[in-house]
Amino acid sequence: MNTAAGRKEDSRIPPRVAPDLSAPRVLVLNASYEPLQVTSIKRAITLLQYGVAEVLEQSRDVVRSPSTVLQVPSVIRLRRYVRRPRIGAVPFNRRNVLRRDHFTCQYCGSHDDLTMDHVQPRSRGGRHGWDNVVTACRPCNQRKGNLTPEEAGMPLQVPPHAPTFGVYAHGQFAHWQPEWSGYIRG
């Protein structure tokens, strides 16, 4: 008998049903905890079922079959070390700058109408590269103009730097999950 009075209230957030098993949503770490790739839920569950990997972080999503309910992992780690070829430098382009800066204006924190801004203006000898370009919203970019952040009174939230993880280059960073922050350094 399932009555409202007899039910115990669960204060936890209810699980969600995973929408697409082929979507790249699970971070795969090497045995050394080095990020390797982002893979599909289906592939991650297969690696877990065969004992090739272990779960480090769970998501709130679940996958249901007629007889089983599986919680979807968010981060898995391979049990054996996998050698991989060295990945070269991440290409410098607008998309990768936006990914590095989490699609956020580095002056005000806005997510709207984003552009690229040269911290040290090019007219003053600033270079067009990872260490001098940040994401900025159009109003902040126009307000800063041909000034440095100090001159404009607009401090940067995070100084520009070249990203170190190959997921940027593979375009998989768009599927960022909050649970990954402890395993990925930009």
C-alpha atoms as a PDB file:
ATOM      1  CA  MET A   1       0.000   0.000   0.000  1.00  0.00           C
ATOM      2  CA  ASN A   2       1.512   3.276  -1.139  1.00  0.00           C
ATOM      3  CA  THR A   3      -0.185   6.190   0.533  1.00  0.00           C
ATOM      4  CA  ALA A   4       1.024   9.728   0.947  1.00  0.00           C
ATOM      5  CA  ALA A   5       1.057   9.358   4.724  1.00  0.00           C
ATOM      6  CA  GLY A   6       3.081   6.123   4.615  1.00  0.00           C
ATOM      7  CA  ARG A   7       5.749   7.413   2.224  1.00  0.00           C
ATOM      8  CA  LYS A   8       9.032   8.687   3.538  1.00  0.00           C
ATOM      9  CA  GLU A   9      10.055  11.973   1.921  1.00  0.00           C
ATOM     10  CA  ASP A  10      13.372  11.769   0.063  1.00  0.00           C
ATOM     11  CA  SER A  11      15.334  14.999   0.332  1.00  0.00           C
ATOM     12  CA  ARG A  12      17.741  14.047  -2.443  1.00  0.00           C
ATOM     13  CA  ILE A  13      17.316  15.233  -5.999  1.00  0.00           C
ATOM     14  CA  PRO A  14      15.571  12.545  -8.067  1.00  0.00           C
ATOM     15  CA  PRO A  15      17.597  10.871 -10.829  1.00  0.00           C
ATOM     16  CA  ARG A  16      17.087  11.941 -14.409  1.00  0.00           C
ATOM     17  CA  VAL A  17      16.742   9.584 -17.351  1.00  0.00           C
ATOM     18  CA  ALA A  18      19.720   9.867 -19.707  1.00  0.00           C
ATOM     19  CA  PRO A  19      18.435  11.213 -23.028  1.00  0.00           C
ATOM     20  CA  ASP A  20      21.014   9.955 -25.542  1.00  0.00           C
ATOM     21  CA  LEU A  21      23.334   7.005 -24.936  1.00  0.00           C
ATOM     22  CA  SER A  22      25.609   7.926 -27.852  1.00  0.00           C
ATOM     23  CA  ALA A  23      26.236  11.506 -26.654  1.00  0.00           C
ATOM     24  CA  PRO A  24      29.825  12.083 -25.450  1.00  0.00           C
ATOM     25  CA  ARG A  25      29.185  12.754 -21.772  1.00  0.00           C
ATOM     26  CA  VAL A  26      31.597  10.610 -19.748  1.00  0.00           C
ATOM     27  CA  LEU A  27      35.179  11.656 -19.016  1.00  0.00           C
ATOM     28  CA  VAL A  28      37.689   8.798 -19.356  1.00  0.00           C
ATOM     29  CA  LEU A  29      40.885   9.000 -17.306  1.00  0.00           C
ATOM     30  CA  ASN A  30      43.998   6.894 -17.749  1.00  0.00           C
ATOM     31  CA  ALA A  31      45.186   4.747 -14.835  1.00  0.00           C
ATOM     32  CA  SER A  32      47.429   7.700 -13.910  1.00  0.00           C
ATOM     33  CA  TYR A  33      44.342   9.979 -13.665  1.00  0.00           C
ATOM     34  CA  GLU A  34      45.379  11.775 -16.863  1.00  0.00           C
ATOM     35  CA  PRO A  35      42.344  12.777 -18.978  1.00  0.00           C
ATOM     36  CA  LEU A  36      42.205  10.724 -22.182  1.00  0.00           C
ATOM     37  CA  GLN A  37      38.914  11.525 -23.868  1.00  0.00           C
ATOM     38  CA  VAL A  38      35.205  12.095 -23.512  1.00  0.00           C
ATOM     39  CA  THR A  39      33.169   9.074 -24.530  1.00  0.00           C
ATOM     40  CA  SER A  40      29.550   8.031 -24.872  1.00  0.00           C
ATOM     41  CA  ILE A  41      27.463   6.675 -22.018  1.00  0.00           C
ATOM     42  CA  LYS A  42      27.062   3.397 -23.887  1.00  0.00           C
ATOM     43  CA  ARG A  43      30.836   2.940 -24.285  1.00  0.00           C
ATOM     44  CA  ALA A  44      31.466   3.866 -20.629  1.00  0.00           C
ATOM     45  CA  ILE A  45      28.930   1.317 -19.370  1.00  0.00           C
ATOM     46  CA  THR A  46      30.524  -1.328 -21.604  1.00  0.00           C
ATOM     47  CA  LEU A  47      33.984  -0.569 -20.157  1.00  0.00           C
ATOM     48  CA  LEU A  48      32.557  -0.855 -16.643  1.00  0.00           C
ATOM     49  CA  GLN A  49      30.706  -4.121 -17.340  1.00  0.00           C
ATOM     50  CA  TYR A  50      33.872  -5.774 -18.674  1.00  0.00           C
ATOM     51  CA  GLY A  51      35.940  -4.576 -15.696  1.00  0.00           C
ATOM     52  CA  VAL A  52      38.219  -2.417 -17.830  1.00  0.00           C
ATOM     53  CA  ALA A  53      37.343   0.750 -15.899  1.00  0.00           C
ATOM     54  CA  GLU A  54      36.080   1.878 -12.510  1.00  0.00           C
ATOM     55  CA  VAL A  55      33.675   4.673 -11.598  1.00  0.00           C
ATOM     56  CA  LEU A  56      35.117   7.764  -9.907  1.00  0.00           C
ATOM     57  CA  GLU A  57      32.124  10.114 -10.161  1.00  0.00           C
ATOM     58  CA  GLN A  58      28.447   9.391 -10.773  1.00  0.00           C
ATOM     59  CA  SER A  59      25.991  11.674 -12.534  1.00  0.00           C
ATOM     60  CA  ARG A  60      22.328  12.043 -11.607  1.00  0.00           C
ATOM     61  CA  ASP A  61      21.288  10.299 -14.843  1.00  0.00           C
ATOM     62  CA  VAL A  62      20.066   6.713 -14.970  1.00  0.00           C
ATOM     63  CA  VAL A  63      19.652   4.188 -17.758  1.00  0.00           C
ATOM     64  CA  ARG A  64      16.716   1.814 -17.452  1.00  0.00           C
ATOM     65  CA  SER A  65      16.019  -1.565 -18.996  1.00  0.00           C
ATOM     66  CA  PRO A  66      13.110  -3.880 -18.161  1.00  0.00           C
ATOM     67  CA  SER A  67      15.161  -5.614 -15.468  1.00  0.00           C
ATOM     68  CA  THR A  68      17.917  -3.159 -14.487  1.00  0.00           C
ATOM     69  CA  VAL A  69      18.446   0.451 -13.497  1.00  0.00           C
ATOM     70  CA  LEU A  70      22.031   1.685 -13.907  1.00  0.00           C
ATOM     71  CA  GLN A  71      23.355   4.988 -12.664  1.00  0.00           C
ATOM     72  CA  VAL A  72      25.299   6.746 -15.422  1.00  0.00           C
ATOM     73  CA  PRO A  73      28.931   7.514 -14.585  1.00  0.00           C
ATOM     74  CA  SER A  74      30.327  10.995 -15.112  1.00  0.00           C
ATOM     75  CA  VAL A  75      34.035  10.133 -14.680  1.00  0.00           C
ATOM     76  CA  ILE A  76      35.630   6.710 -15.133  1.00  0.00           C
ATOM     77  CA  ARG A  77      39.256   5.581 -14.796  1.00  0.00           C
ATOM     78  CA  LEU A  78      40.880   2.779 -16.762  1.00  0.00           C
ATOM     79  CA  ARG A  79      42.387   0.061 -14.570  1.00  0.00           C
ATOM     80  CA  ARG A  80      45.447  -0.355 -16.810  1.00  0.00           C
ATOM     81  CA  TYR A  81      47.660   2.415 -18.175  1.00  0.00           C
ATOM     82  CA  VAL A  82      47.171   3.156 -21.878  1.00  0.00           C
ATOM     83  CA  ARG A  83      49.995   4.754 -23.833  1.00  0.00           C
ATOM     84  CA  ARG A  84      48.886   7.499 -26.127  1.00  0.00           C
ATOM     85  CA  PRO A  85      50.753   9.599 -28.648  1.00  0.00           C
ATOM     86  CA  ARG A  86      51.846  13.050 -27.564  1.00  0.00           C
ATOM     87  CA  ILE A  87      49.268  15.646 -28.488  1.00  0.00           C
ATOM     88  CA  GLY A  88      50.706  18.798 -29.969  1.00  0.00           C
ATOM     89  CA  ALA A  89      49.818  22.297 -28.925  1.00  0.00           C
ATOM     90  CA  VAL A  90      46.147  23.198 -28.929  1.00  0.00           C
ATOM     91  CA  PRO A  91      45.369  25.226 -32.072  1.00  0.00           C
ATOM     92  CA  PHE A  92      44.852  28.911 -31.405  1.00  0.00           C
ATOM     93  CA  ASN A  93      41.473  29.936 -32.792  1.00  0.00           C
ATOM     94  CA  ARG A  94      38.316  31.724 -31.685  1.00  0.00           C
ATOM     95  CA  ARG A  95      36.464  28.535 -30.738  1.00  0.00           C
ATOM     96  CA  ASN A  96      39.285  27.291 -28.506  1.00  0.00           C
ATOM     97  CA  VAL A  97      39.676  30.703 -26.826  1.00  0.00           C
ATOM     98  CA  LEU A  98      35.938  30.670 -26.033  1.00  0.00           C
ATOM     99  CA  ARG A  99      36.232  27.118 -24.656  1.00  0.00           C
ATOM    100  CA  ARG A 100      39.265  27.973 -22.552  1.00  0.00           C
ATOM    101  CA  ASP A 101      37.382  30.924 -21.011  1.00  0.00           C
ATOM    102  CA  HIS A 102      34.198  28.841 -20.488  1.00  0.00           C
ATOM    103  CA  PHE A 103      32.198  31.086 -22.857  1.00  0.00           C
ATOM    104  CA  THR A 104      32.407  33.881 -20.269  1.00  0.00           C
ATOM    105  CA  CYS A 105      33.527  37.509 -20.556  1.00  0.00           C
ATOM    106  CA  GLN A 106      36.780  37.755 -18.624  1.00  0.00           C
ATOM    107  CA  TYR A 107      35.955  41.302 -17.499  1.00  0.00           C
ATOM    108  CA  CYS A 108      32.317  41.187 -16.319  1.00  0.00           C
ATOM    109  CA  GLY A 109      31.293  37.503 -16.414  1.00  0.00           C
ATOM    110  CA  SER A 110      28.606  37.883 -19.096  1.00  0.00           C
ATOM    111  CA  HIS A 111      27.764  35.050 -21.501  1.00  0.00           C
ATOM    112  CA  ASP A 112      26.132  37.211 -24.184  1.00  0.00           C
ATOM    113  CA  ASP A 113      27.495  38.726 -27.421  1.00  0.00           C
ATOM    114  CA  LEU A 114      31.055  37.379 -26.980  1.00  0.00           C
ATOM    115  CA  THR A 115      34.111  38.571 -28.905  1.00  0.00           C
ATOM    116  CA  MET A 116      37.873  38.202 -28.570  1.00  0.00           C
ATOM    117  CA  ASP A 117      39.920  40.967 -26.941  1.00  0.00           C
ATOM    118  CA  HIS A 118      43.662  41.606 -26.942  1.00  0.00           C
ATOM    119  CA  VAL A 119      44.738  42.307 -23.357  1.00  0.00           C
ATOM    120  CA  GLN A 120      47.728  44.323 -24.576  1.00  0.00           C
ATOM    121  CA  PRO A 121      46.336  46.070 -27.682  1.00  0.00           C
ATOM    122  CA  ARG A 122      47.947  45.067 -30.969  1.00  0.00           C
ATOM    123  CA  SER A 123      48.555  48.720 -31.778  1.00  0.00           C
ATOM    124  CA  ARG A 124      50.825  48.803 -28.718  1.00  0.00           C
ATOM    125  CA  GLY A 125      52.800  45.707 -29.648  1.00  0.00           C
ATOM    126  CA  GLY A 126      50.476  43.056 -28.224  1.00  0.00           C
ATOM    127  CA  ARG A 127      50.656  39.667 -29.922  1.00  0.00           C
ATOM    128  CA  HIS A 128      47.805  37.607 -31.303  1.00  0.00           C
ATOM    129  CA  GLY A 129      48.214  34.417 -29.222  1.00  0.00           C
ATOM    130  CA  TRP A 130      47.128  32.444 -26.178  1.00  0.00           C
ATOM    131  CA  ASP A 131      48.900  34.716 -23.688  1.00  0.00           C
ATOM    132  CA  ASN A 132      47.300  37.955 -24.927  1.00  0.00           C
ATOM    133  CA  VAL A 133      43.756  37.102 -26.080  1.00  0.00           C
ATOM    134  CA  VAL A 134      40.701  36.654 -23.848  1.00  0.00           C
ATOM    135  CA  THR A 135      36.957  36.327 -24.305  1.00  0.00           C
ATOM    136  CA  ALA A 136      35.076  39.601 -23.794  1.00  0.00           C
ATOM    137  CA  CYS A 137      31.481  40.674 -24.320  1.00  0.00           C
ATOM    138  CA  ARG A 138      31.013  43.394 -26.929  1.00  0.00           C
ATOM    139  CA  PRO A 139      30.213  46.180 -24.391  1.00  0.00           C
ATOM    140  CA  CYS A 140      33.360  45.434 -22.333  1.00  0.00           C
ATOM    141  CA  ASN A 141      35.488  45.153 -25.470  1.00  0.00           C
ATOM    142  CA  GLN A 142      34.261  48.549 -26.693  1.00  0.00           C
ATOM    143  CA  ARG A 143      34.636  50.119 -23.235  1.00  0.00           C
ATOM    144  CA  LYS A 144      38.222  48.874 -22.926  1.00  0.00           C
ATOM    145  CA  GLY A 145      39.039  50.005 -26.458  1.00  0.00           C
ATOM    146  CA  ASN A 146      42.737  50.615 -27.090  1.00  0.00           C
ATOM    147  CA  LEU A 147      43.698  50.535 -23.398  1.00  0.00           C
ATOM    148  CA  THR A 148      45.249  47.926 -21.153  1.00  0.00           C
ATOM    149  CA  PRO A 149      42.995  46.453 -18.427  1.00  0.00           C
ATOM    150  CA  GLU A 150      44.825  48.529 -15.792  1.00  0.00           C
ATOM    151  CA  GLU A 151      44.334  51.770 -17.733  1.00  0.00           C
ATOM    152  CA  ALA A 152      40.645  51.005 -18.300  1.00  0.00           C
ATOM    153  CA  GLY A 153      40.080  49.927 -14.683  1.00  0.00           C
ATOM    154  CA  MET A 154      38.839  46.522 -15.853  1.00  0.00           C
ATOM    155  CA  PRO A 155      40.754  43.708 -14.111  1.00  0.00           C
ATOM    156  CA  LEU A 156      40.762  40.257 -15.695  1.00  0.00           C
ATOM    157  CA  GLN A 157      39.002  37.410 -13.875  1.00  0.00           C
ATOM    158  CA  VAL A 158      41.626  34.898 -15.072  1.00  0.00           C
ATOM    159  CA  PRO A 159      44.906  35.762 -16.848  1.00  0.00           C
ATOM    160  CA  PRO A 160      45.166  34.332 -20.378  1.00  0.00           C
ATOM    161  CA  HIS A 161      47.175  31.127 -20.851  1.00  0.00           C
ATOM    162  CA  ALA A 162      47.603  28.304 -23.333  1.00  0.00           C
ATOM    163  CA  PRO A 163      45.347  25.331 -22.477  1.00  0.00           C
ATOM    164  CA  THR A 164      47.078  22.060 -21.660  1.00  0.00           C
ATOM    165  CA  PHE A 165      44.446  19.365 -22.207  1.00  0.00           C
ATOM    166  CA  GLY A 166      43.835  17.848 -25.652  1.00  0.00           C
ATOM    167  CA  VAL A 167      40.053  17.752 -25.209  1.00  0.00           C
ATOM    168  CA  TYR A 168      40.005  21.357 -26.457  1.00  0.00           C
ATOM    169  CA  ALA A 169      41.562  20.346 -29.751  1.00  0.00           C
ATOM    170  CA  HIS A 170      39.106  17.497 -30.251  1.00  0.00           C
ATOM    171  CA  GLY A 171      36.068  19.719 -29.717  1.00  0.00           C
ATOM    172  CA  GLN A 172      34.778  17.635 -26.821  1.00  0.00           C
ATOM    173  CA  PHE A 173      34.944  20.377 -24.222  1.00  0.00           C
ATOM    174  CA  ALA A 174      31.442  21.560 -25.161  1.00  0.00           C
ATOM    175  CA  HIS A 175      30.067  18.607 -23.146  1.00  0.00           C
ATOM    176  CA  TRP A 176      31.585  19.825 -19.867  1.00  0.00           C
ATOM    177  CA  GLN A 177      30.109  18.307 -16.724  1.00  0.00           C
ATOM    178  CA  PRO A 178      30.526  19.960 -13.288  1.00  0.00           C
ATOM    179  CA  GLU A 179      31.951  16.739 -11.823  1.00  0.00           C
ATOM    180  CA  TRP A 180      34.951  16.977 -14.191  1.00  0.00           C
ATOM    181  CA  SER A 181      36.431  20.127 -12.634  1.00  0.00           C
ATOM    182  CA  GLY A 182      38.643  18.151 -10.242  1.00  0.00           C
ATOM    183  CA  TYR A 183      40.153  16.115 -13.088  1.00  0.00           C
ATOM    184  CA  ILE A 184      40.679  18.662 -15.887  1.00  0.00           C
ATOM    185  CA  ARG A 185      42.972  21.619 -15.820  1.00  0.00           C
ATOM    186  CA  GLY A 186      42.415  24.137 -18.614  1.00  0.00           C
END
